[in-house]
Structures are given as structure tokens and as C-alpha cells.
Amino acid sequence: MSTIRRQSIISSGIVYFGFALGFVNTYLFTREGSGFTGAEYGLTGAFISFANIMSTFSLMGMNSYIYKFFPYYKDNLEPSENDMMTWALVSSLLGFLMVMTGAWIFKDLVIRTFGTNSPEFLQYYKWVFPFAFGLTLFALLEAFAWQLKKSVLTNYLREVQFRLFTTVLIILFYWGVIKDFDLFIKVYAFTYIALALILFSTLLFKKDLNFTFSISRVTRKFYKKILTLISLIWGGNLVFTISNVFDSIVILAVMPDGLAFVGIYTLAQNIASLIQAPQRGIISASLASLSQAWKDKDMKRVDRIYHRSSINQIIFSTAMFCLIWLNFTDGVFTFHLQKEYLAAKDVFLFIGLMRIIDMGTGVNSQIIGTSTFWRFDFISGIILLAITLPFNYLLTKHMGVIGPAIANLVAMTIYNAIRYLILYLKKWE
């Protein structure tokens, strides 16, 4: 059995266990008499949306730098000479300082944007920053661990341990150890910092991490290409992340009682994530192999990974979507969720279709990002952003909570069609 297949299967199993745990958390958040309001549940979703943008900005494209250039460092340097993680960590810390500075400069804009419809979010806005800082550190270490083919470990931490921390917090809230939601959300803000520390300690203990401020010959040789790569890929990743989370943000800003509707939208997203589970395992398992294949100019291997990932994912995603859609309403009543969450069914319809389209195009993003035409990642990201932002705003204003889901379906269809076309025209050349 190939390494990708074996790690994908194991990772998919871990992801599904994590999703099962996530659904336990969702049930505990949303059931009748849970003690959590829809707005409070929505706040956890808002934390994730804002933290993803802050983290992507803070990373400064360092995760893509690791994906693309790790084989060159590995094949040409002794571990003690490898300066890759030093520059990646320093750059990400500087990036997060820029985020903090920008948040302070534009704090009045944040107040004007969310103060009317989502004042509860402003109350906890500053607590997004430790959450985002932890996510930044974890994402950087995760990218490095993927190249070491430790995707099983990182998937466990992201998909299981994070949710397990949340489960513990909910139980402590039920038992009265955490006496109110105010303390709950403040402790929740530090969960990703805990994950980052666990991963950092593990890599350090295994002697996989090395830090040196001596500039290696690989860095000297490729620094111009590295700077070009991270500038464009960073921009592409940033616009892609904004496109992915703008739906929750626009609901917060535009709709009265925005956090409650974010709660409905978050439930639909969480359920739709069931469709996407194998994708996470396949991506994490295939990245190292794709990077090496492009370095070795092994186009047959790239082609094989692409086609197999597409076929397997579209079969699974379609079957899972049909299963969930047919049983959505019964599920809400069977599990005694709060009745307002019935509105999540129509939202799920469009998010689910979007997931099918995204998975049906395989690991196209990872192939482009590790290829010689990675600049197109930035161009396609700009196209996605240009479609997503106005569509999300207009449809949310006119259609309510279902609007962003429709907007994202349209945008993601166009985005993946363009990326499929560029891969088809390039034919791995």
C-alpha cells in the first residue's frame, strides 16, 4: 500500500472520529436546554472565521515556502544546517505583530462595522487574538510536519484534540466549574496555543526541529525565488481565506442579531464538513509526495495523484451529501436541537453542493501550489475574491442567511472550473 493511501486512510479515520466528537460538541451547544444561546454558539464560529484571516496574514506565505522548498533543504543540508524553520517562524511572528498593529489602527472601523448588529462580538473581539496566534503557530508547525510525513499526528491534533478540548470546556460549563459563558470563551481562546505547544514539543523531542540563524547555501541560492513565491502565494492564500470566511463576517455585519444567524450558518457548515472529511486526509498525505514529484519532474506521479484524488472524492462526497440531506430535518427533531436550527437545512443544501464541486476537482490547489506555475494560485485567488465579496454582500442583504451559501456555490464553481482548465491546458508540462 502506498504511503499516500495508507496515511489518507488513517487520517480519514482520525478526521471522522474528530467529526463525531465535533457533532457531540455541536449537540451540546445547540440542544434544547443546553445553556448556550444561538448567539453564543455563533460566537465560536466567528472566532474561527476571524482567526483564519489573521492566521493566513500572519503566516506570510511561510507554509507554502515549506511545501515548495522543503525537499531542497532536506536533500542538500544536514539537519543542523537547515535554517528553514528559523526564517519561517521569525517571519510568522513578525506577521502577527503586523496583524496586532492593524487591529489597533482600524479598531474604530471594526466598531462601526459590527457595533449595530453584533455588539456581543465586540465584547470579546480582543480574545480572538490569542486564538489566532495559536492557530498561526500550529499551522506553521503543521506544514513542516506534513513534509516529515507526520500528517496522522497533525490531523489528530487539529481534528480530535481541538474538539476534545472544547468538549472538556463544555462539560466543565455544565458542571458549574466554568461558571458562565464569559469565562468559557476566554479559556476557549487559548485552545490552539495548547495544540501548538503539543506539536512543537513533539517535534522537538523527536529532534525533527532545528533552529539556526546561519544562512544556509540553499537559502542563498533560492532566496529570490522564495521571495517571489511567498509574495504571490501569500496574497493568493489570503484572498482565498477571506473568500472562505467572508460569509460569516458579512452575516455578522449585515443581519440584525448577526451572531444568532452565524450560529445557524455554523451548524450548516459543521454538518457539511462531513462531506469534506476525506479531502483533509488526502491533502495532508499527498503534499510531500507532490513536492517531491515536481522536484523530480515525475509528471506521471502528479497525474496519478490528481486523477485518483478526484474520482475517490467525488464518489464519496455525493453519497454523503444525499444521506445527510434526506435526513436533515429528522436529525434536528431526533436530537432535540433548538428549533431555530431547522433553518440550517437550506443553507446546508448549497454548502454541500459547493463541497461536492470542490472535492470533485481533487487536489488541484496543492498541485498548482507545488508546481512551476504556482503564480496562477494568486491570480485564481483574486478571481475568487472578486466574485465572492460582492455576491456575499448583495445576496445576504436580499436573501438573509441563505444568501452567502448561494454566493459561495457560484464563486467556488467558477474558481474550480478555471483551475481545472489551467491544469488541463498545462498537461503537467
Protein backbone atom coordinates (compact mmCIF):
# COMPACT_ATOMS: atom_id res chain seq x y z
CA MET A 1 0.00 0.00 0.00
CA SER A 2 1.40 3.43 -0.97
CA THR A 3 2.32 5.96 1.70
CA ILE A 4 -0.32 8.42 0.47
CA ARG A 5 -3.07 5.79 0.52
CA ARG A 6 -2.10 4.47 3.94
CA GLN A 7 -1.83 7.90 5.54
CA SER A 8 -5.02 9.06 3.80
CA ILE A 9 -6.96 6.11 5.22
CA ILE A 10 -5.59 6.58 8.72
CA SER A 11 -6.04 10.36 8.55
CA SER A 12 -9.59 9.99 7.24
CA GLY A 13 -10.39 7.71 10.15
CA ILE A 14 -8.97 10.28 12.57
CA VAL A 15 -10.87 13.08 10.84
CA TYR A 16 -14.13 11.14 11.11
CA PHE A 17 -13.54 10.44 14.77
CA GLY A 18 -12.89 14.15 15.19
CA PHE A 19 -16.09 14.96 13.33
CA ALA A 20 -18.01 12.58 15.56
CA LEU A 21 -16.59 14.41 18.55
CA GLY A 22 -17.41 17.69 16.85
CA PHE A 23 -21.02 16.61 16.45
CA VAL A 24 -21.14 15.77 20.12
CA ASN A 25 -19.95 19.31 20.79
CA THR A 26 -22.48 20.70 18.32
CA TYR A 27 -25.24 18.76 20.03
CA LEU A 28 -24.16 20.01 23.45
CA PHE A 29 -24.10 23.58 22.14
CA THR A 30 -27.41 23.50 20.26
CA ARG A 31 -29.78 21.11 22.08
CA GLU A 32 -32.81 22.39 23.94
CA GLY A 33 -31.84 23.49 27.44
CA SER A 34 -28.12 23.42 26.67
CA GLY A 35 -27.39 26.66 28.50
CA PHE A 36 -25.85 28.13 25.34
CA THR A 37 -27.78 30.57 23.19
CA GLY A 38 -27.58 30.60 19.40
CA ALA A 39 -25.55 33.80 19.61
CA GLU A 40 -23.02 32.18 21.96
CA TYR A 41 -22.62 29.22 19.63
CA GLY A 42 -22.29 31.67 16.75
CA LEU A 43 -19.50 33.46 18.60
CA THR A 44 -17.34 30.33 18.50
CA GLY A 45 -17.88 30.24 14.73
CA ALA A 46 -16.98 33.93 14.46
CA PHE A 47 -13.77 33.26 16.39
CA ILE A 48 -12.76 30.63 13.82
CA SER A 49 -13.60 32.89 10.85
CA PHE A 50 -11.60 35.88 12.10
CA ALA A 51 -8.73 33.72 13.36
CA ASN A 52 -8.37 32.10 9.93
CA ILE A 53 -7.91 35.50 8.28
CA MET A 54 -5.47 36.69 10.95
CA SER A 55 -3.52 33.44 10.77
CA THR A 56 -3.26 33.46 6.98
CA PHE A 57 -1.96 37.03 7.06
CA SER A 58 0.49 36.24 9.88
CA LEU A 59 1.93 33.20 8.12
CA MET A 60 3.33 35.48 5.40
CA GLY A 61 3.24 32.56 2.94
CA MET A 62 5.65 30.53 5.07
CA ASN A 63 3.55 27.38 4.88
CA SER A 64 3.77 27.49 1.06
CA TYR A 65 7.51 28.13 1.32
CA ILE A 66 7.81 24.93 3.37
CA TYR A 67 5.61 22.94 0.95
CA LYS A 68 7.64 24.02 -2.10
CA PHE A 69 11.23 24.13 -0.87
CA PHE A 70 11.42 21.52 1.89
CA PRO A 71 12.81 18.81 -0.47
CA TYR A 72 15.66 21.12 -1.49
CA TYR A 73 16.64 21.80 2.11
CA LYS A 74 16.29 18.15 3.06
CA ASP A 75 18.34 16.80 0.14
CA ASN A 76 21.17 19.35 0.33
CA LEU A 77 21.69 20.16 4.02
CA GLU A 78 22.49 18.42 7.24
CA PRO A 79 19.71 18.81 9.85
CA SER A 80 21.86 21.18 11.93
CA GLU A 81 22.34 23.43 8.88
CA ASN A 82 18.66 23.60 7.97
CA ASP A 83 17.52 27.19 8.58
CA MET A 84 14.08 26.82 7.00
CA MET A 85 12.04 26.79 10.22
CA THR A 86 14.03 29.67 11.71
CA TRP A 87 13.06 32.06 8.93
CA ALA A 88 9.54 30.68 8.74
CA LEU A 89 8.96 31.21 12.48
CA VAL A 90 10.53 34.67 12.58
CA SER A 91 8.51 35.80 9.55
CA SER A 92 5.24 34.49 11.04
CA LEU A 93 5.87 36.24 14.37
CA LEU A 94 6.52 39.50 12.52
CA GLY A 95 3.34 38.88 10.53
CA PHE A 96 1.31 38.51 13.71
CA LEU A 97 2.75 41.76 15.07
CA MET A 98 1.52 43.42 11.88
CA VAL A 99 -1.94 41.94 12.49
CA MET A 100 -1.97 43.31 16.04
CA THR A 101 -0.88 46.73 14.80
CA GLY A 102 -3.53 46.76 12.09
CA ALA A 103 -6.22 45.75 14.61
CA TRP A 104 -5.28 48.69 16.81
CA ILE A 105 -5.21 51.17 13.90
CA PHE A 106 -8.57 50.04 12.48
CA LYS A 107 -10.41 49.38 15.75
CA ASP A 108 -12.88 52.21 15.05
CA LEU A 109 -13.77 50.60 11.72
CA VAL A 110 -14.43 47.28 13.48
CA ILE A 111 -16.71 49.04 15.97
CA ARG A 112 -18.67 50.77 13.20
CA THR A 113 -19.00 47.57 11.16
CA PHE A 114 -20.20 45.20 13.89
CA GLY A 115 -21.44 47.51 16.65
CA THR A 116 -25.03 47.76 15.41
CA ASN A 117 -25.94 44.16 14.56
CA SER A 118 -23.41 42.16 16.61
CA PRO A 119 -22.40 44.10 19.74
CA GLU A 120 -21.68 40.85 21.64
CA PHE A 121 -18.86 40.13 19.20
CA LEU A 122 -17.16 43.41 20.05
CA GLN A 123 -17.21 42.47 23.72
CA TYR A 124 -14.94 39.50 23.01
CA TYR A 125 -13.10 40.81 19.95
CA LYS A 126 -9.72 41.07 21.74
CA TRP A 127 -9.91 37.39 22.71
CA VAL A 128 -9.75 36.42 19.04
CA PHE A 129 -6.06 37.35 19.04
CA PRO A 130 -4.69 34.57 21.30
CA PHE A 131 -6.89 32.14 19.35
CA ALA A 132 -5.41 33.41 16.06
CA PHE A 133 -1.87 33.41 17.43
CA GLY A 134 -2.16 29.76 18.43
CA LEU A 135 -3.65 28.87 15.03
CA THR A 136 -0.74 30.63 13.29
CA LEU A 137 1.89 28.70 15.22
CA PHE A 138 0.05 25.43 14.77
CA ALA A 139 -0.44 25.93 11.00
CA LEU A 140 3.27 26.65 10.55
CA LEU A 141 4.35 23.58 12.52
CA GLU A 142 1.69 21.52 10.75
CA ALA A 143 3.10 22.43 7.32
CA PHE A 144 6.55 21.28 8.47
CA ALA A 145 5.18 18.07 9.99
CA TRP A 146 3.36 17.24 6.74
CA GLN A 147 6.68 17.33 4.90
CA LEU A 148 8.05 14.92 7.51
CA LYS A 149 5.05 12.69 6.67
CA LYS A 150 3.56 13.10 10.13
CA SER A 151 0.11 14.02 8.82
CA VAL A 152 -1.52 11.47 11.13
CA LEU A 153 -0.24 13.34 14.19
CA THR A 154 -1.26 16.78 12.93
CA ASN A 155 -4.68 15.56 11.84
CA TYR A 156 -5.21 14.09 15.30
CA LEU A 157 -4.31 17.39 16.96
CA ARG A 158 -6.40 19.57 14.62
CA GLU A 159 -9.41 17.31 14.20
CA VAL A 160 -9.59 15.43 17.51
CA GLN A 161 -7.61 17.18 20.23
CA PHE A 162 -9.04 20.63 19.46
CA ARG A 163 -12.57 19.27 19.71
CA LEU A 164 -11.66 17.28 22.81
CA PHE A 165 -10.52 20.50 24.50
CA THR A 166 -13.88 22.02 23.55
CA THR A 167 -15.75 19.00 24.93
CA VAL A 168 -13.94 19.34 28.25
CA LEU A 169 -14.80 23.05 28.42
CA ILE A 170 -18.49 22.32 27.72
CA ILE A 171 -18.60 19.63 30.41
CA LEU A 172 -16.91 21.97 32.90
CA PHE A 173 -19.52 24.59 31.97
CA TYR A 174 -22.35 22.10 32.61
CA TRP A 175 -20.86 21.09 35.95
CA GLY A 176 -20.53 24.70 37.04
CA VAL A 177 -16.73 24.64 37.26
CA ILE A 178 -16.77 27.24 34.50
CA LYS A 179 -19.47 29.44 35.92
CA ASP A 180 -20.50 31.47 32.89
CA PHE A 181 -20.00 31.89 29.16
CA ASP A 182 -17.64 34.81 29.73
CA LEU A 183 -15.03 32.52 31.31
CA PHE A 184 -15.81 29.74 28.80
CA ILE A 185 -14.95 31.85 25.73
CA LYS A 186 -11.81 33.28 27.35
CA VAL A 187 -10.43 29.80 28.06
CA TYR A 188 -11.56 28.64 24.60
CA ALA A 189 -9.38 31.40 23.12
CA PHE A 190 -6.22 29.56 24.25
CA THR A 191 -7.02 26.12 22.82
CA TYR A 192 -4.88 26.48 19.69
CA ILE A 193 -1.94 27.74 21.71
CA ALA A 194 -2.15 24.48 23.66
CA LEU A 195 -2.20 22.48 20.39
CA ALA A 196 0.79 24.39 19.04
CA LEU A 197 2.76 23.69 22.21
CA ILE A 198 1.96 19.97 22.00
CA LEU A 199 3.10 19.77 18.35
CA PHE A 200 6.19 21.89 18.99
CA SER A 201 7.20 19.74 21.95
CA THR A 202 6.68 16.53 19.97
CA LEU A 203 8.80 17.69 17.02
CA LEU A 204 11.48 18.97 19.36
CA PHE A 205 11.54 15.72 21.33
CA LYS A 206 11.86 13.71 18.10
CA LYS A 207 14.71 16.04 17.05
CA ASP A 208 12.86 16.98 13.87
CA LEU A 209 13.11 20.72 14.58
CA ASN A 210 16.36 22.61 14.16
CA PHE A 211 16.92 26.33 14.52
CA THR A 212 19.93 28.25 13.29
CA PHE A 213 20.42 31.88 12.30
CA SER A 214 23.24 30.97 9.92
CA ILE A 215 22.04 31.49 6.35
CA SER A 216 22.35 28.20 4.50
CA ARG A 217 23.57 27.78 0.92
CA VAL A 218 20.08 26.65 -0.12
CA THR A 219 18.56 29.88 1.19
CA ARG A 220 21.25 31.91 -0.56
CA LYS A 221 20.68 30.06 -3.83
CA PHE A 222 16.89 30.25 -3.87
CA TYR A 223 16.10 33.40 -1.88
CA LYS A 224 14.88 35.35 -4.92
CA LYS A 225 12.55 32.53 -5.92
CA ILE A 226 11.46 32.13 -2.29
CA LEU A 227 10.56 35.82 -2.01
CA THR A 228 8.64 35.72 -5.29
CA LEU A 229 6.82 32.57 -4.23
CA ILE A 230 5.76 33.74 -0.79
CA SER A 231 4.65 37.17 -2.02
CA LEU A 232 2.27 35.74 -4.60
CA ILE A 233 1.21 32.61 -2.73
CA TRP A 234 0.69 34.62 0.45
CA GLY A 235 -1.57 37.00 -1.43
CA GLY A 236 -3.39 34.10 -3.04
CA ASN A 237 -3.85 32.30 0.28
CA LEU A 238 -5.07 35.49 1.92
CA VAL A 239 -7.72 36.25 -0.69
CA PHE A 240 -8.78 32.58 -0.70
CA THR A 241 -9.17 32.57 3.09
CA ILE A 242 -11.12 35.82 3.05
CA SER A 243 -13.36 34.33 0.37
CA ASN A 244 -13.95 31.23 2.52
CA VAL A 245 -14.84 33.03 5.76
CA PHE A 246 -16.39 36.23 4.42
CA ASP A 247 -19.83 34.62 4.62
CA SER A 248 -19.84 34.54 8.44
CA ILE A 249 -18.35 38.03 8.64
CA VAL A 250 -20.94 39.57 6.32
CA ILE A 251 -23.75 37.90 8.31
CA LEU A 252 -22.33 39.48 11.47
CA ALA A 253 -22.18 42.90 9.86
CA VAL A 254 -25.39 42.96 7.83
CA MET A 255 -28.08 40.92 9.59
CA PRO A 256 -29.81 42.04 12.81
CA ASP A 257 -28.91 39.67 15.65
CA GLY A 258 -26.00 38.60 13.50
CA LEU A 259 -24.40 36.17 15.95
CA ALA A 260 -27.58 34.08 16.17
CA PHE A 261 -27.64 33.70 12.38
CA VAL A 262 -23.92 32.89 12.40
CA GLY A 263 -24.86 30.08 14.77
CA ILE A 264 -27.32 28.71 12.17
CA TYR A 265 -24.74 29.09 9.42
CA THR A 266 -22.04 27.46 11.56
CA LEU A 267 -24.26 24.43 12.18
CA ALA A 268 -24.78 24.01 8.42
CA GLN A 269 -21.02 24.33 7.83
CA ASN A 270 -20.20 21.79 10.51
CA ILE A 271 -22.62 19.26 9.09
CA ALA A 272 -21.34 19.91 5.56
CA SER A 273 -17.81 19.27 6.79
CA LEU A 274 -18.76 15.58 6.96
CA ILE A 275 -18.73 15.61 3.17
CA GLN A 276 -15.22 17.05 3.14
CA ALA A 277 -13.55 14.69 5.61
CA PRO A 278 -11.51 12.56 3.15
CA GLN A 279 -10.20 15.69 1.44
CA ARG A 280 -8.31 16.76 4.55
CA GLY A 281 -6.59 13.41 4.86
CA ILE A 282 -5.73 13.24 1.16
CA ILE A 283 -4.29 16.77 1.10
CA SER A 284 -2.09 16.27 4.14
CA ALA A 285 -0.86 12.89 2.88
CA SER A 286 -0.20 13.97 -0.72
CA LEU A 287 1.62 17.29 -0.25
CA ALA A 288 5.05 15.85 0.47
CA SER A 289 4.75 13.46 -2.49
CA LEU A 290 3.61 16.24 -4.83
CA SER A 291 6.51 18.48 -3.78
CA GLN A 292 9.00 15.67 -4.40
CA ALA A 293 7.35 14.68 -7.69
CA TRP A 294 7.62 18.23 -9.06
CA LYS A 295 11.26 18.42 -7.93
CA ASP A 296 11.99 15.10 -9.65
CA LYS A 297 9.88 16.08 -12.69
CA ASP A 298 7.82 12.91 -12.23
CA MET A 299 4.73 14.05 -14.13
CA LYS A 300 3.17 10.60 -14.24
CA ARG A 301 3.07 10.56 -10.45
CA VAL A 302 1.47 14.01 -10.32
CA ASP A 303 -1.12 12.92 -12.88
CA ARG A 304 -1.86 9.72 -10.95
CA ILE A 305 -2.35 11.57 -7.65
CA TYR A 306 -4.64 14.11 -9.29
CA HIS A 307 -6.95 11.63 -11.01
CA ARG A 308 -7.24 9.23 -8.11
CA SER A 309 -7.97 12.02 -5.64
CA SER A 310 -10.72 13.41 -7.90
CA ILE A 311 -12.51 10.12 -8.54
CA ASN A 312 -12.43 8.91 -4.95
CA GLN A 313 -13.57 12.21 -3.51
CA ILE A 314 -16.49 12.87 -5.84
CA ILE A 315 -17.97 9.38 -5.28
CA PHE A 316 -17.76 9.72 -1.53
CA SER A 317 -18.95 13.35 -1.33
CA THR A 318 -22.03 12.76 -3.47
CA ALA A 319 -23.13 9.74 -1.44
CA MET A 320 -22.58 11.54 1.88
CA PHE A 321 -24.45 14.64 0.71
CA CYS A 322 -27.52 12.63 -0.29
CA LEU A 323 -27.51 10.77 3.02
CA ILE A 324 -27.39 13.95 5.10
CA TRP A 325 -29.87 15.93 3.00
CA LEU A 326 -32.53 13.22 3.20
CA ASN A 327 -32.26 13.00 6.99
CA PHE A 328 -31.55 16.61 8.00
CA THR A 329 -34.97 17.55 9.40
CA ASP A 330 -35.41 14.24 11.18
CA GLY A 331 -31.99 14.72 12.72
CA VAL A 332 -32.92 18.09 14.22
CA PHE A 333 -36.05 16.63 15.87
CA THR A 334 -34.45 13.33 16.85
CA PHE A 335 -31.58 15.03 18.68
CA HIS A 336 -33.88 17.70 20.16
CA LEU A 337 -31.93 20.64 18.77
CA GLN A 338 -33.30 24.13 19.24
CA LYS A 339 -35.99 24.67 16.60
CA GLU A 340 -34.35 27.71 15.03
CA TYR A 341 -31.64 25.40 13.67
CA LEU A 342 -34.14 23.95 11.17
CA ALA A 343 -33.23 26.99 9.07
CA ALA A 344 -29.79 25.44 8.57
CA LYS A 345 -31.19 22.83 6.15
CA ASP A 346 -31.45 25.18 3.17
CA VAL A 347 -28.03 26.62 3.98
CA PHE A 348 -26.59 23.10 4.05
CA LEU A 349 -28.03 22.37 0.59
CA PHE A 350 -25.84 24.96 -1.12
CA ILE A 351 -22.78 24.49 1.09
CA GLY A 352 -23.00 20.74 0.46
CA LEU A 353 -23.15 21.20 -3.31
CA MET A 354 -20.17 23.51 -3.08
CA ARG A 355 -18.20 20.82 -1.19
CA ILE A 356 -19.02 18.23 -3.87
CA ILE A 357 -17.70 20.52 -6.61
CA ASP A 358 -14.58 21.34 -4.63
CA MET A 359 -13.80 17.70 -3.88
CA GLY A 360 -14.58 16.58 -7.41
CA THR A 361 -11.68 18.67 -8.69
CA GLY A 362 -9.22 16.77 -6.50
CA VAL A 363 -6.03 18.27 -5.08
CA ASN A 364 -5.79 20.91 -7.80
CA SER A 365 -4.80 23.63 -5.32
CA GLN A 366 -1.93 21.58 -3.93
CA ILE A 367 -0.73 20.62 -7.43
CA ILE A 368 -0.70 24.25 -8.55
CA GLY A 369 0.91 25.44 -5.32
CA THR A 370 3.82 23.00 -5.60
CA SER A 371 4.22 23.30 -9.38
CA THR A 372 6.25 25.59 -11.64
CA PHE A 373 3.12 27.63 -12.42
CA TRP A 374 2.29 28.41 -8.80
CA ARG A 375 1.82 32.11 -9.71
CA PHE A 376 -1.61 31.17 -11.02
CA ASP A 377 -2.60 30.45 -7.40
CA PHE A 378 -2.60 34.19 -6.77
CA ILE A 379 -4.46 35.03 -9.97
CA SER A 380 -7.22 32.48 -9.35
CA GLY A 381 -7.49 33.67 -5.73
CA ILE A 382 -8.09 37.24 -6.91
CA ILE A 383 -10.81 36.00 -9.26
CA LEU A 384 -12.46 34.10 -6.40
CA LEU A 385 -12.34 37.15 -4.13
CA ALA A 386 -13.74 39.43 -6.83
CA ILE A 387 -16.75 37.14 -7.20
CA THR A 388 -17.24 36.22 -3.54
CA LEU A 389 -17.25 39.60 -1.80
CA PRO A 390 -19.94 41.44 -3.78
CA PHE A 391 -22.08 38.30 -4.19
CA ASN A 392 -21.99 37.56 -0.47
CA TYR A 393 -22.93 41.09 0.50
CA LEU A 394 -25.73 41.51 -2.04
CA LEU A 395 -27.32 38.11 -1.51
CA THR A 396 -27.12 38.41 2.29
CA LYS A 397 -28.88 41.77 2.10
CA HIS A 398 -31.65 40.38 -0.12
CA MET A 399 -31.94 36.71 0.90
CA GLY A 400 -30.74 36.56 4.50
CA VAL A 401 -28.69 33.67 5.90
CA ILE A 402 -29.08 31.52 2.78
CA GLY A 403 -27.50 34.23 0.59
CA PRO A 404 -23.83 33.59 1.42
CA ALA A 405 -24.25 29.86 0.78
CA ILE A 406 -25.59 30.50 -2.74
CA ALA A 407 -22.89 33.10 -3.40
CA ASN A 408 -20.15 30.70 -2.35
CA LEU A 409 -21.55 27.90 -4.51
CA VAL A 410 -21.42 30.13 -7.59
CA ALA A 411 -17.97 31.50 -6.76
CA MET A 412 -16.41 28.13 -5.96
CA THR A 413 -17.82 26.58 -9.15
CA ILE A 414 -16.22 29.28 -11.29
CA TYR A 415 -12.98 29.13 -9.29
CA ASN A 416 -12.54 25.38 -9.63
CA ALA A 417 -13.53 25.42 -13.30
CA ILE A 418 -10.75 27.91 -14.02
CA ARG A 419 -8.18 25.87 -12.06
CA TYR A 420 -9.25 22.66 -13.77
CA LEU A 421 -8.87 24.38 -17.14
CA ILE A 422 -5.35 25.61 -16.39
CA LEU A 423 -4.28 22.12 -15.31
CA TYR A 424 -5.84 20.62 -18.43
CA LEU A 425 -4.07 23.12 -20.72
CA LYS A 426 -0.72 22.69 -18.97
CA LYS A 427 -0.87 18.88 -19.17
CA TRP A 428 1.85 18.73 -16.49
CA GLU A 429 4.36 20.50 -18.72
